[in-house]
Amino acid sequence: MDEAQAVKSLGALAQDTRLRIFRALVAQGPQGLTPGELTASLDVASTALSFHLKELSHAGLVSQERNGRHLIYRAEFAAMNDLLQFLTAHCCQGEPCEVTTGSTAVPHCTTC
């Protein structure tokens, strides 16, 4: 990922509703969610949801697929992992590191 794409991705996530939408899609995994499911679970108006999904899609963080009469939105895990890799590329001066919170290690997502 280059710097311009990282800025675009971070910009898309730098809004509370879009961040909530993206996190809901990440939590759902590859199954994805329909706009109706997102509207109901996040209490977001359908017009606002459409706008925010478009912004996330333009940033490459979300994809959509038509399944019959329904649209299914999914988080783009490869793009998410690319962004995380970009952000941590020079972490700990190139040495392997482990992020800890208090005394509990924070695991790295290996399923995405």
PDB file of N, CA and C in Angstrom:
ATOM      1  N   MET A   1       0.850  -1.173   0.000  1.00  0.00           N
ATOM      2  CA  MET A   1       0.000   0.000   0.000  1.00  0.00           C
ATOM      3  C   MET A   1       0.894   1.234   0.000  1.00  0.00           C
ATOM      4  N   ASP A   2       0.524   2.201  -0.809  1.00  0.00           N
ATOM      5  CA  ASP A   2       1.290   3.435  -0.821  1.00  0.00           C
ATOM      6  C   ASP A   2       0.635   4.456   0.114  1.00  0.00           C
ATOM      7  N   GLU A   3       1.330   5.545   0.327  1.00  0.00           N
ATOM      8  CA  GLU A   3       0.871   6.562   1.264  1.00  0.00           C
ATOM      9  C   GLU A   3      -0.465   7.167   0.851  1.00  0.00           C
ATOM     10  N   ALA A   4      -0.666   7.403  -0.433  1.00  0.00           N
ATOM     11  CA  ALA A   4      -1.923   8.001  -0.894  1.00  0.00           C
ATOM     12  C   ALA A   4      -3.112   7.091  -0.579  1.00  0.00           C
ATOM     13  N   GLN A   5      -2.953   5.785  -0.797  1.00  0.00           N
ATOM     14  CA  GLN A   5      -4.039   4.853  -0.491  1.00  0.00           C
ATOM     15  C   GLN A   5      -4.266   4.758   1.010  1.00  0.00           C
ATOM     16  N   ALA A   6      -3.208   4.812   1.793  1.00  0.00           N
ATOM     17  CA  ALA A   6      -3.348   4.780   3.249  1.00  0.00           C
ATOM     18  C   ALA A   6      -4.138   5.985   3.739  1.00  0.00           C
ATOM     19  N   VAL A   7      -3.840   7.149   3.194  1.00  0.00           N
ATOM     20  CA  VAL A   7      -4.565   8.365   3.575  1.00  0.00           C
ATOM     21  C   VAL A   7      -6.033   8.243   3.182  1.00  0.00           C
ATOM     22  N   LYS A   8      -6.303   7.704   2.006  1.00  0.00           N
ATOM     23  CA  LYS A   8      -7.682   7.517   1.553  1.00  0.00           C
ATOM     24  C   LYS A   8      -8.430   6.561   2.479  1.00  0.00           C
ATOM     25  N   SER A   9      -7.793   5.464   2.848  1.00  0.00           N
ATOM     26  CA  SER A   9      -8.411   4.477   3.739  1.00  0.00           C
ATOM     27  C   SER A   9      -8.652   5.059   5.126  1.00  0.00           C
ATOM     28  N   LEU A  10      -7.648   5.714   5.662  1.00  0.00           N
ATOM     29  CA  LEU A  10      -7.792   6.314   6.990  1.00  0.00           C
ATOM     30  C   LEU A  10      -8.845   7.416   6.982  1.00  0.00           C
ATOM     31  N   GLY A  11      -8.892   8.184   5.900  1.00  0.00           N
ATOM     32  CA  GLY A  11      -9.908   9.228   5.778  1.00  0.00           C
ATOM     33  C   GLY A  11     -11.316   8.654   5.773  1.00  0.00           C
ATOM     34  N   ALA A  12     -11.496   7.519   5.099  1.00  0.00           N
ATOM     35  CA  ALA A  12     -12.810   6.881   5.056  1.00  0.00           C
ATOM     36  C   ALA A  12     -13.210   6.381   6.441  1.00  0.00           C
ATOM     37  N   LEU A  13     -12.251   5.933   7.224  1.00  0.00           N
ATOM     38  CA  LEU A  13     -12.546   5.405   8.551  1.00  0.00           C
ATOM     39  C   LEU A  13     -12.623   6.492   9.623  1.00  0.00           C
ATOM     40  N   ALA A  14     -12.240   7.713   9.268  1.00  0.00           N
ATOM     41  CA  ALA A  14     -12.182   8.805  10.238  1.00  0.00           C
ATOM     42  C   ALA A  14     -13.528   9.507  10.401  1.00  0.00           C
ATOM     43  N   GLN A  15     -14.572   8.726  10.426  1.00  0.00           N
ATOM     44  CA  GLN A  15     -15.929   9.236  10.632  1.00  0.00           C
ATOM     45  C   GLN A  15     -16.662   8.164  11.427  1.00  0.00           C
ATOM     46  N   ASP A  16     -17.342   8.558  12.472  1.00  0.00           N
ATOM     47  CA  ASP A  16     -17.871   7.569  13.407  1.00  0.00           C
ATOM     48  C   ASP A  16     -18.837   6.560  12.790  1.00  0.00           C
ATOM     49  N   THR A  17     -19.741   6.985  11.928  1.00  0.00           N
ATOM     50  CA  THR A  17     -20.689   6.046  11.322  1.00  0.00           C
ATOM     51  C   THR A  17     -19.968   5.073  10.397  1.00  0.00           C
ATOM     52  N   ARG A  18     -19.055   5.574   9.583  1.00  0.00           N
ATOM     53  CA  ARG A  18     -18.306   4.676   8.681  1.00  0.00           C
ATOM     54  C   ARG A  18     -17.461   3.688   9.471  1.00  0.00           C
ATOM     55  N   LEU A  19     -16.873   4.138  10.554  1.00  0.00           N
ATOM     56  CA  LEU A  19     -16.087   3.239  11.385  1.00  0.00           C
ATOM     57  C   LEU A  19     -16.980   2.143  11.976  1.00  0.00           C
ATOM     58  N   ARG A  20     -18.159   2.512  12.437  1.00  0.00           N
ATOM     59  CA  ARG A  20     -19.100   1.520  12.981  1.00  0.00           C
ATOM     60  C   ARG A  20     -19.531   0.532  11.906  1.00  0.00           C
ATOM     61  N   ILE A  21     -19.796   1.012  10.700  1.00  0.00           N
ATOM     62  CA  ILE A  21     -20.188   0.138   9.589  1.00  0.00           C
ATOM     63  C   ILE A  21     -19.052  -0.834   9.274  1.00  0.00           C
ATOM     64  N   PHE A  22     -17.850  -0.308   9.140  1.00  0.00           N
ATOM     65  CA  PHE A  22     -16.711  -1.160   8.803  1.00  0.00           C
ATOM     66  C   PHE A  22     -16.482  -2.210   9.885  1.00  0.00           C
ATOM     67  N   ARG A  23     -16.545  -1.815  11.141  1.00  0.00           N
ATOM     68  CA  ARG A  23     -16.339  -2.761  12.235  1.00  0.00           C
ATOM     69  C   ARG A  23     -17.426  -3.836  12.246  1.00  0.00           C
ATOM     70  N   ALA A  24     -18.664  -3.467  11.924  1.00  0.00           N
ATOM     71  CA  ALA A  24     -19.750  -4.457  11.853  1.00  0.00           C
ATOM     72  C   ALA A  24     -19.480  -5.457  10.739  1.00  0.00           C
ATOM     73  N   LEU A  25     -18.992  -4.977   9.600  1.00  0.00           N
ATOM     74  CA  LEU A  25     -18.683  -5.873   8.483  1.00  0.00           C
ATOM     75  C   LEU A  25     -17.494  -6.771   8.807  1.00  0.00           C
ATOM     76  N   VAL A  26     -16.494  -6.240   9.484  1.00  0.00           N
ATOM     77  CA  VAL A  26     -15.352  -7.050   9.897  1.00  0.00           C
ATOM     78  C   VAL A  26     -15.826  -8.142  10.857  1.00  0.00           C
ATOM     79  N   ALA A  27     -16.664  -7.766  11.810  1.00  0.00           N
ATOM     80  CA  ALA A  27     -17.160  -8.739  12.789  1.00  0.00           C
ATOM     81  C   ALA A  27     -17.978  -9.842  12.126  1.00  0.00           C
ATOM     82  N   GLN A  28     -18.689  -9.499  11.075  1.00  0.00           N
ATOM     83  CA  GLN A  28     -19.526 -10.484  10.385  1.00  0.00           C
ATOM     84  C   GLN A  28     -18.702 -11.469   9.573  1.00  0.00           C
ATOM     85  N   GLY A  29     -17.510 -11.049   9.158  1.00  0.00           N
ATOM     86  CA  GLY A  29     -16.653 -11.941   8.382  1.00  0.00           C
ATOM     87  C   GLY A  29     -17.070 -12.030   6.927  1.00  0.00           C
ATOM     88  N   PRO A  30     -16.660 -13.095   6.243  1.00  0.00           N
ATOM     89  CA  PRO A  30     -16.886 -13.209   4.802  1.00  0.00           C
ATOM     90  C   PRO A  30     -18.351 -13.312   4.395  1.00  0.00           C
ATOM     91  N   GLN A  31     -19.220 -13.624   5.343  1.00  0.00           N
ATOM     92  CA  GLN A  31     -20.650 -13.720   5.034  1.00  0.00           C
ATOM     93  C   GLN A  31     -21.222 -12.366   4.618  1.00  0.00           C
ATOM     94  N   GLY A  32     -20.746 -11.293   5.234  1.00  0.00           N
ATOM     95  CA  GLY A  32     -21.213  -9.955   4.907  1.00  0.00           C
ATOM     96  C   GLY A  32     -22.588  -9.660   5.449  1.00  0.00           C
ATOM     97  N   LEU A  33     -23.064  -8.470   5.147  1.00  0.00           N
ATOM     98  CA  LEU A  33     -24.372  -8.016   5.608  1.00  0.00           C
ATOM     99  C   LEU A  33     -25.091  -7.265   4.504  1.00  0.00           C
ATOM    100  N   THR A  34     -26.396  -7.316   4.526  1.00  0.00           N
ATOM    101  CA  THR A  34     -27.207  -6.529   3.593  1.00  0.00           C
ATOM    102  C   THR A  34     -27.366  -5.123   4.158  1.00  0.00           C
ATOM    103  N   PRO A  35     -27.721  -4.156   3.316  1.00  0.00           N
ATOM    104  CA  PRO A  35     -27.984  -2.814   3.832  1.00  0.00           C
ATOM    105  C   PRO A  35     -29.087  -2.810   4.895  1.00  0.00           C
ATOM    106  N   GLY A  36     -30.101  -3.636   4.715  1.00  0.00           N
ATOM    107  CA  GLY A  36     -31.170  -3.710   5.709  1.00  0.00           C
ATOM    108  C   GLY A  36     -30.676  -4.180   7.059  1.00  0.00           C
ATOM    109  N   GLU A  37     -29.792  -5.170   7.052  1.00  0.00           N
ATOM    110  CA  GLU A  37     -29.218  -5.667   8.308  1.00  0.00           C
ATOM    111  C   GLU A  37     -28.350  -4.603   8.969  1.00  0.00           C
ATOM    112  N   LEU A  38     -27.579  -3.889   8.160  1.00  0.00           N
ATOM    113  CA  LEU A  38     -26.744  -2.819   8.707  1.00  0.00           C
ATOM    114  C   LEU A  38     -27.594  -1.689   9.269  1.00  0.00           C
ATOM    115  N   THR A  39     -28.632  -1.302   8.546  1.00  0.00           N
ATOM    116  CA  THR A  39     -29.525  -0.240   9.001  1.00  0.00           C
ATOM    117  C   THR A  39     -30.151  -0.600  10.340  1.00  0.00           C
ATOM    118  N   ALA A  40     -30.633  -1.837  10.452  1.00  0.00           N
ATOM    119  CA  ALA A  40     -31.290  -2.272  11.684  1.00  0.00           C
ATOM    120  C   ALA A  40     -30.316  -2.381  12.850  1.00  0.00           C
ATOM    121  N   SER A  41     -29.164  -2.957  12.618  1.00  0.00           N
ATOM    122  CA  SER A  41     -28.238  -3.193  13.730  1.00  0.00           C
ATOM    123  C   SER A  41     -27.505  -1.937  14.173  1.00  0.00           C
ATOM    124  N   LEU A  42     -27.295  -0.996  13.261  1.00  0.00           N
ATOM    125  CA  LEU A  42     -26.538   0.208  13.600  1.00  0.00           C
ATOM    126  C   LEU A  42     -27.410   1.436  13.802  1.00  0.00           C
ATOM    127  N   ASP A  43     -28.709   1.304  13.539  1.00  0.00           N
ATOM    128  CA  ASP A  43     -29.650   2.422  13.662  1.00  0.00           C
ATOM    129  C   ASP A  43     -29.186   3.621  12.830  1.00  0.00           C
ATOM    130  N   VAL A  44     -28.935   3.331  11.551  1.00  0.00           N
ATOM    131  CA  VAL A  44     -28.503   4.352  10.591  1.00  0.00           C
ATOM    132  C   VAL A  44     -29.555   4.440   9.496  1.00  0.00           C
ATOM    133  N   ALA A  45     -29.946   5.634   9.132  1.00  0.00           N
ATOM    134  CA  ALA A  45     -30.923   5.807   8.057  1.00  0.00           C
ATOM    135  C   ALA A  45     -30.377   5.226   6.757  1.00  0.00           C
ATOM    136  N   SER A  46     -31.244   4.654   5.947  1.00  0.00           N
ATOM    137  CA  SER A  46     -30.796   3.985   4.719  1.00  0.00           C
ATOM    138  C   SER A  46     -30.093   4.938   3.760  1.00  0.00           C
ATOM    139  N   THR A  47     -30.528   6.188   3.692  1.00  0.00           N
ATOM    140  CA  THR A  47     -29.855   7.140   2.800  1.00  0.00           C
ATOM    141  C   THR A  47     -28.440   7.444   3.300  1.00  0.00           C
ATOM    142  N   ALA A  48     -28.299   7.604   4.603  1.00  0.00           N
ATOM    143  CA  ALA A  48     -26.966   7.852   5.171  1.00  0.00           C
ATOM    144  C   ALA A  48     -26.092   6.617   5.007  1.00  0.00           C
ATOM    145  N   LEU A  49     -26.669   5.441   5.214  1.00  0.00           N
ATOM    146  CA  LEU A  49     -25.915   4.197   5.060  1.00  0.00           C
ATOM    147  C   LEU A  49     -25.358   4.076   3.657  1.00  0.00           C
ATOM    148  N   SER A  50     -26.175   4.365   2.667  1.00  0.00           N
ATOM    149  CA  SER A  50     -25.757   4.285   1.270  1.00  0.00           C
ATOM    150  C   SER A  50     -24.564   5.204   1.009  1.00  0.00           C
ATOM    151  N   PHE A  51     -24.626   6.417   1.520  1.00  0.00           N
ATOM    152  CA  PHE A  51     -23.534   7.377   1.358  1.00  0.00           C
ATOM    153  C   PHE A  51     -22.247   6.844   1.991  1.00  0.00           C
ATOM    154  N   HIS A  52     -22.346   6.336   3.213  1.00  0.00           N
ATOM    155  CA  HIS A  52     -21.163   5.867   3.923  1.00  0.00           C
ATOM    156  C   HIS A  52     -20.581   4.601   3.290  1.00  0.00           C
ATOM    157  N   LEU A  53     -21.432   3.700   2.817  1.00  0.00           N
ATOM    158  CA  LEU A  53     -20.943   2.504   2.132  1.00  0.00           C
ATOM    159  C   LEU A  53     -20.206   2.873   0.853  1.00  0.00           C
ATOM    160  N   LYS A  54     -20.710   3.885   0.163  1.00  0.00           N
ATOM    161  CA  LYS A  54     -20.033   4.354  -1.059  1.00  0.00           C
ATOM    162  C   LYS A  54     -18.645   4.886  -0.730  1.00  0.00           C
ATOM    163  N   GLU A  55     -18.511   5.638   0.341  1.00  0.00           N
ATOM    164  CA  GLU A  55     -17.210   6.173   0.741  1.00  0.00           C
ATOM    165  C   GLU A  55     -16.241   5.047   1.108  1.00  0.00           C
ATOM    166  N   LEU A  56     -16.725   4.063   1.851  1.00  0.00           N
ATOM    167  CA  LEU A  56     -15.884   2.928   2.213  1.00  0.00           C
ATOM    168  C   LEU A  56     -15.495   2.110   0.988  1.00  0.00           C
ATOM    169  N   SER A  57     -16.416   1.986   0.061  1.00  0.00           N
ATOM    170  CA  SER A  57     -16.151   1.252  -1.177  1.00  0.00           C
ATOM    171  C   SER A  57     -15.108   1.970  -2.027  1.00  0.00           C
ATOM    172  N   HIS A  58     -15.221   3.290  -2.149  1.00  0.00           N
ATOM    173  CA  HIS A  58     -14.251   4.068  -2.927  1.00  0.00           C
ATOM    174  C   HIS A  58     -12.857   3.989  -2.320  1.00  0.00           C
ATOM    175  N   ALA A  59     -12.786   3.784  -1.018  1.00  0.00           N
ATOM    176  CA  ALA A  59     -11.488   3.650  -0.352  1.00  0.00           C
ATOM    177  C   ALA A  59     -10.954   2.219  -0.455  1.00  0.00           C
ATOM    178  N   GLY A  60     -11.751   1.320  -1.016  1.00  0.00           N
ATOM    179  CA  GLY A  60     -11.321  -0.061  -1.194  1.00  0.00           C
ATOM    180  C   GLY A  60     -11.466  -0.929   0.048  1.00  0.00           C
ATOM    181  N   LEU A  61     -12.176  -0.431   1.052  1.00  0.00           N
ATOM    182  CA  LEU A  61     -12.315  -1.159   2.309  1.00  0.00           C
ATOM    183  C   LEU A  61     -13.544  -2.067   2.349  1.00  0.00           C
ATOM    184  N   VAL A  62     -14.466  -1.841   1.420  1.00  0.00           N
ATOM    185  CA  VAL A  62     -15.723  -2.597   1.383  1.00  0.00           C
ATOM    186  C   VAL A  62     -16.017  -2.985  -0.052  1.00  0.00           C
ATOM    187  N   SER A  63     -16.557  -4.182  -0.230  1.00  0.00           N
ATOM    188  CA  SER A  63     -17.014  -4.603  -1.556  1.00  0.00           C
ATOM    189  C   SER A  63     -18.488  -4.963  -1.472  1.00  0.00           C
ATOM    190  N   GLN A  64     -19.121  -4.988  -2.628  1.00  0.00           N
ATOM    191  CA  GLN A  64     -20.527  -5.379  -2.670  1.00  0.00           C
ATOM    192  C   GLN A  64     -20.716  -6.449  -3.726  1.00  0.00           C
ATOM    193  N   GLU A  65     -21.691  -7.296  -3.477  1.00  0.00           N
ATOM    194  CA  GLU A  65     -22.030  -8.359  -4.412  1.00  0.00           C
ATOM    195  C   GLU A  65     -23.546  -8.480  -4.452  1.00  0.00           C
ATOM    196  N   ARG A  66     -24.075  -8.642  -5.643  1.00  0.00           N
ATOM    197  CA  ARG A  66     -25.516  -8.843  -5.769  1.00  0.00           C
ATOM    198  C   ARG A  66     -25.794 -10.329  -5.608  1.00  0.00           C
ATOM    199  N   ASN A  67     -26.764 -10.633  -4.747  1.00  0.00           N
ATOM    200  CA  ASN A  67     -27.201 -12.004  -4.524  1.00  0.00           C
ATOM    201  C   ASN A  67     -28.718 -12.005  -4.696  1.00  0.00           C
ATOM    202  N   GLY A  68     -29.161 -12.293  -5.908  1.00  0.00           N
ATOM    203  CA  GLY A  68     -30.583 -12.200  -6.205  1.00  0.00           C
ATOM    204  C   GLY A  68     -31.022 -10.752  -6.139  1.00  0.00           C
ATOM    205  N   ARG A  69     -31.995 -10.476  -5.290  1.00  0.00           N
ATOM    206  CA  ARG A  69     -32.491  -9.100  -5.140  1.00  0.00           C
ATOM    207  C   ARG A  69     -31.717  -8.315  -4.088  1.00  0.00           C
ATOM    208  N   HIS A  70     -30.781  -8.968  -3.408  1.00  0.00           N
ATOM    209  CA  HIS A  70     -30.088  -8.335  -2.296  1.00  0.00           C
ATOM    210  C   HIS A  70     -28.652  -7.975  -2.659  1.00  0.00           C
ATOM    211  N   LEU A  71     -28.187  -6.891  -2.051  1.00  0.00           N
ATOM    212  CA  LEU A  71     -26.770  -6.543  -2.098  1.00  0.00           C
ATOM    213  C   LEU A  71     -26.147  -7.027  -0.798  1.00  0.00           C
ATOM    214  N   ILE A  72     -24.990  -7.635  -0.915  1.00  0.00           N
ATOM    215  CA  ILE A  72     -24.241  -8.082   0.254  1.00  0.00           C
ATOM    216  C   ILE A  72     -22.967  -7.248   0.307  1.00  0.00           C
ATOM    217  N   TYR A  73     -22.742  -6.609   1.430  1.00  0.00           N
ATOM    218  CA  TYR A  73     -21.524  -5.827   1.637  1.00  0.00           C
ATOM    219  C   TYR A  73     -20.587  -6.620   2.525  1.00  0.00           C
ATOM    220  N   ARG A  74     -19.311  -6.587   2.169  1.00  0.00           N
ATOM    221  CA  ARG A  74     -18.280  -7.293   2.921  1.00  0.00           C
ATOM    222  C   ARG A  74     -17.080  -6.381   3.143  1.00  0.00           C
ATOM    223  N   ALA A  75     -16.446  -6.569   4.275  1.00  0.00           N
ATOM    224  CA  ALA A  75     -15.180  -5.883   4.519  1.00  0.00           C
ATOM    225  C   ALA A  75     -14.133  -6.511   3.618  1.00  0.00           C
ATOM    226  N   GLU A  76     -13.263  -5.694   3.075  1.00  0.00           N
ATOM    227  CA  GLU A  76     -12.137  -6.178   2.273  1.00  0.00           C
ATOM    228  C   GLU A  76     -10.960  -6.411   3.219  1.00  0.00           C
ATOM    229  N   PHE A  77     -10.829  -7.657   3.667  1.00  0.00           N
ATOM    230  CA  PHE A  77      -9.818  -7.988   4.662  1.00  0.00           C
ATOM    231  C   PHE A  77      -8.398  -7.780   4.142  1.00  0.00           C
ATOM    232  N   ALA A  78      -8.174  -8.018   2.861  1.00  0.00           N
ATOM    233  CA  ALA A  78      -6.836  -7.797   2.307  1.00  0.00           C
ATOM    234  C   ALA A  78      -6.465  -6.318   2.403  1.00  0.00           C
ATOM    235  N   ALA A  79      -7.406  -5.435   2.101  1.00  0.00           N
ATOM    236  CA  ALA A  79      -7.143  -3.995   2.188  1.00  0.00           C
ATOM    237  C   ALA A  79      -6.920  -3.580   3.643  1.00  0.00           C
ATOM    238  N   MET A  80      -7.700  -4.150   4.551  1.00  0.00           N
ATOM    239  CA  MET A  80      -7.534  -3.850   5.966  1.00  0.00           C
ATOM    240  C   MET A  80      -6.149  -4.286   6.436  1.00  0.00           C
ATOM    241  N   ASN A  81      -5.746  -5.484   6.054  1.00  0.00           N
ATOM    242  CA  ASN A  81      -4.431  -5.985   6.455  1.00  0.00           C
ATOM    243  C   ASN A  81      -3.303  -5.195   5.810  1.00  0.00           C
ATOM    244  N   ASP A  82      -3.507  -4.762   4.561  1.00  0.00           N
ATOM    245  CA  ASP A  82      -2.502  -3.906   3.911  1.00  0.00           C
ATOM    246  C   ASP A  82      -2.335  -2.594   4.668  1.00  0.00           C
ATOM    247  N   LEU A  83      -3.447  -2.026   5.113  1.00  0.00           N
ATOM    248  CA  LEU A  83      -3.380  -0.779   5.870  1.00  0.00           C
ATOM    249  C   LEU A  83      -2.657  -0.989   7.193  1.00  0.00           C
ATOM    250  N   LEU A  84      -2.994  -2.066   7.877  1.00  0.00           N
ATOM    251  CA  LEU A  84      -2.309  -2.365   9.140  1.00  0.00           C
ATOM    252  C   LEU A  84      -0.815  -2.587   8.923  1.00  0.00           C
ATOM    253  N   GLN A  85      -0.478  -3.281   7.849  1.00  0.00           N
ATOM    254  CA  GLN A  85       0.932  -3.522   7.540  1.00  0.00           C
ATOM    255  C   GLN A  85       1.644  -2.209   7.226  1.00  0.00           C
ATOM    256  N   PHE A  86       0.987  -1.321   6.470  1.00  0.00           N
ATOM    257  CA  PHE A  86       1.569  -0.017   6.162  1.00  0.00           C
ATOM    258  C   PHE A  86       1.831   0.762   7.449  1.00  0.00           C
ATOM    259  N   LEU A  87       0.858   0.739   8.366  1.00  0.00           N
ATOM    260  CA  LEU A  87       0.983   1.501   9.604  1.00  0.00           C
ATOM    261  C   LEU A  87       2.056   0.951  10.533  1.00  0.00           C
ATOM    262  N   THR A  88       2.321  -0.325  10.449  1.00  0.00           N
ATOM    263  CA  THR A  88       3.279  -0.941  11.361  1.00  0.00           C
ATOM    264  C   THR A  88       4.582  -1.352  10.679  1.00  0.00           C
ATOM    265  N   ALA A  89       4.798  -0.920   9.453  1.00  0.00           N
ATOM    266  CA  ALA A  89       5.958  -1.352   8.670  1.00  0.00           C
ATOM    267  C   ALA A  89       7.283  -1.079   9.366  1.00  0.00           C
ATOM    268  N   HIS A  90       7.389  -0.021  10.101  1.00  0.00           N
ATOM    269  CA  HIS A  90       8.654   0.333  10.734  1.00  0.00           C
ATOM    270  C   HIS A  90       8.550   0.264  12.254  1.00  0.00           C
ATOM    271  N   CYS A  91       7.646  -0.555  12.709  1.00  0.00           N
ATOM    272  CA  CYS A  91       7.412  -0.721  14.144  1.00  0.00           C
ATOM    273  C   CYS A  91       8.630  -1.352  14.809  1.00  0.00           C
ATOM    274  N   CYS A  92       8.937  -0.894  15.967  1.00  0.00           N
ATOM    275  CA  CYS A  92       9.993  -1.486  16.817  1.00  0.00           C
ATOM    276  C   CYS A  92      11.340  -1.594  16.102  1.00  0.00           C
ATOM    277  N   GLN A  93      11.632  -0.647  15.244  1.00  0.00           N
ATOM    278  CA  GLN A  93      12.906  -0.581  14.545  1.00  0.00           C
ATOM    279  C   GLN A  93      13.216  -1.862  13.778  1.00  0.00           C
ATOM    280  N   GLY A  94      12.178  -2.467  13.205  1.00  0.00           N
ATOM    281  CA  GLY A  94      12.361  -3.653  12.385  1.00  0.00           C
ATOM    282  C   GLY A  94      12.424  -4.962  13.146  1.00  0.00           C
ATOM    283  N   GLU A  95      12.376  -4.903  14.467  1.00  0.00           N
ATOM    284  CA  GLU A  95      12.411  -6.115  15.285  1.00  0.00           C
ATOM    285  C   GLU A  95      10.987  -6.616  15.517  1.00  0.00           C
ATOM    286  N   PRO A  96      10.828  -7.931  15.661  1.00  0.00           N
ATOM    287  CA  PRO A  96       9.486  -8.440  15.997  1.00  0.00           C
ATOM    288  C   PRO A  96       9.019  -7.816  17.300  1.00  0.00           C
ATOM    289  N   CYS A  97       7.766  -7.468  17.358  1.00  0.00           N
ATOM    290  CA  CYS A  97       7.268  -6.834  18.574  1.00  0.00           C
ATOM    291  C   CYS A  97       5.958  -7.476  18.993  1.00  0.00           C
ATOM    292  N   GLU A  98       5.616  -7.269  20.229  1.00  0.00           N
ATOM    293  CA  GLU A  98       4.363  -7.752  20.780  1.00  0.00           C
ATOM    294  C   GLU A  98       3.713  -6.586  21.489  1.00  0.00           C
ATOM    295  N   VAL A  99       2.521  -6.262  21.058  1.00  0.00           N
ATOM    296  CA  VAL A  99       1.790  -5.169  21.674  1.00  0.00           C
ATOM    297  C   VAL A  99       1.126  -5.708  22.924  1.00  0.00           C
ATOM    298  N   THR A 100       1.301  -5.004  24.024  1.00  0.00           N
ATOM    299  CA  THR A 100       0.664  -5.445  25.262  1.00  0.00           C
ATOM    300  C   THR A 100      -0.186  -4.332  25.835  1.00  0.00           C
ATOM    301  N   THR A 101      -1.238  -4.747  26.494  1.00  0.00           N
ATOM    302  CA  THR A 101      -2.095  -3.820  27.222  1.00  0.00           C
ATOM    303  C   THR A 101      -2.069  -4.300  28.660  1.00  0.00           C
ATOM    304  N   GLY A 102      -1.445  -3.538  29.533  1.00  0.00           N
ATOM    305  CA  GLY A 102      -1.254  -4.015  30.902  1.00  0.00           C
ATOM    306  C   GLY A 102      -0.355  -5.224  30.858  1.00  0.00           C
ATOM    307  N   SER A 103      -0.863  -6.363  31.324  1.00  0.00           N
ATOM    308  CA  SER A 103      -0.060  -7.577  31.284  1.00  0.00           C
ATOM    309  C   SER A 103      -0.612  -8.587  30.273  1.00  0.00           C
ATOM    310  N   THR A 104      -1.607  -8.170  29.477  1.00  0.00           N
ATOM    311  CA  THR A 104      -2.228  -9.073  28.529  1.00  0.00           C
ATOM    312  C   THR A 104      -1.768  -8.756  27.113  1.00  0.00           C
ATOM    313  N   ALA A 105      -1.230  -9.743  26.406  1.00  0.00           N
ATOM    314  CA  ALA A 105      -0.800  -9.551  25.025  1.00  0.00           C
ATOM    315  C   ALA A 105      -2.021  -9.433  24.132  1.00  0.00           C
ATOM    316  N   VAL A 106      -1.957  -8.549  23.160  1.00  0.00           N
ATOM    317  CA  VAL A 106      -3.021  -8.393  22.182  1.00  0.00           C
ATOM    318  C   VAL A 106      -2.694  -9.283  20.996  1.00  0.00           C
ATOM    319  N   PRO A 107      -3.516 -10.288  20.701  1.00  0.00           N
ATOM    320  CA  PRO A 107      -3.185 -11.216  19.596  1.00  0.00           C
ATOM    321  C   PRO A 107      -3.345 -10.554  18.239  1.00  0.00           C
ATOM    322  N   HIS A 108      -2.588 -11.036  17.282  1.00  0.00           N
ATOM    323  CA  HIS A 108      -2.683 -10.609  15.883  1.00  0.00           C
ATOM    324  C   HIS A 108      -3.745 -11.448  15.198  1.00  0.00           C
ATOM    325  N   CYS A 109      -4.583 -10.834  14.391  1.00  0.00           N
ATOM    326  CA  CYS A 109      -5.634 -11.555  13.681  1.00  0.00           C
ATOM    327  C   CYS A 109      -5.008 -12.420  12.587  1.00  0.00           C
ATOM    328  N   THR A 110      -5.129 -13.722  12.699  1.00  0.00           N
ATOM    329  CA  THR A 110      -4.559 -14.612  11.706  1.00  0.00           C
ATOM    330  C   THR A 110      -5.622 -15.207  10.791  1.00  0.00           C
ATOM    331  N   THR A 111      -6.891 -14.896  11.023  1.00  0.00           N
ATOM    332  CA  THR A 111      -7.956 -15.462  10.211  1.00  0.00           C
ATOM    333  C   THR A 111      -8.365 -14.563   9.065  1.00  0.00           C
ATOM    334  N   CYS A 112      -7.853 -13.342   9.039  1.00  0.00           N
ATOM    335  CA  CYS A 112      -8.274 -12.393   7.999  1.00  0.00           C
ATOM    336  C   CYS A 112      -7.426 -12.520   6.771  1.00  0.00           C
TER     337      CYS A 112
END
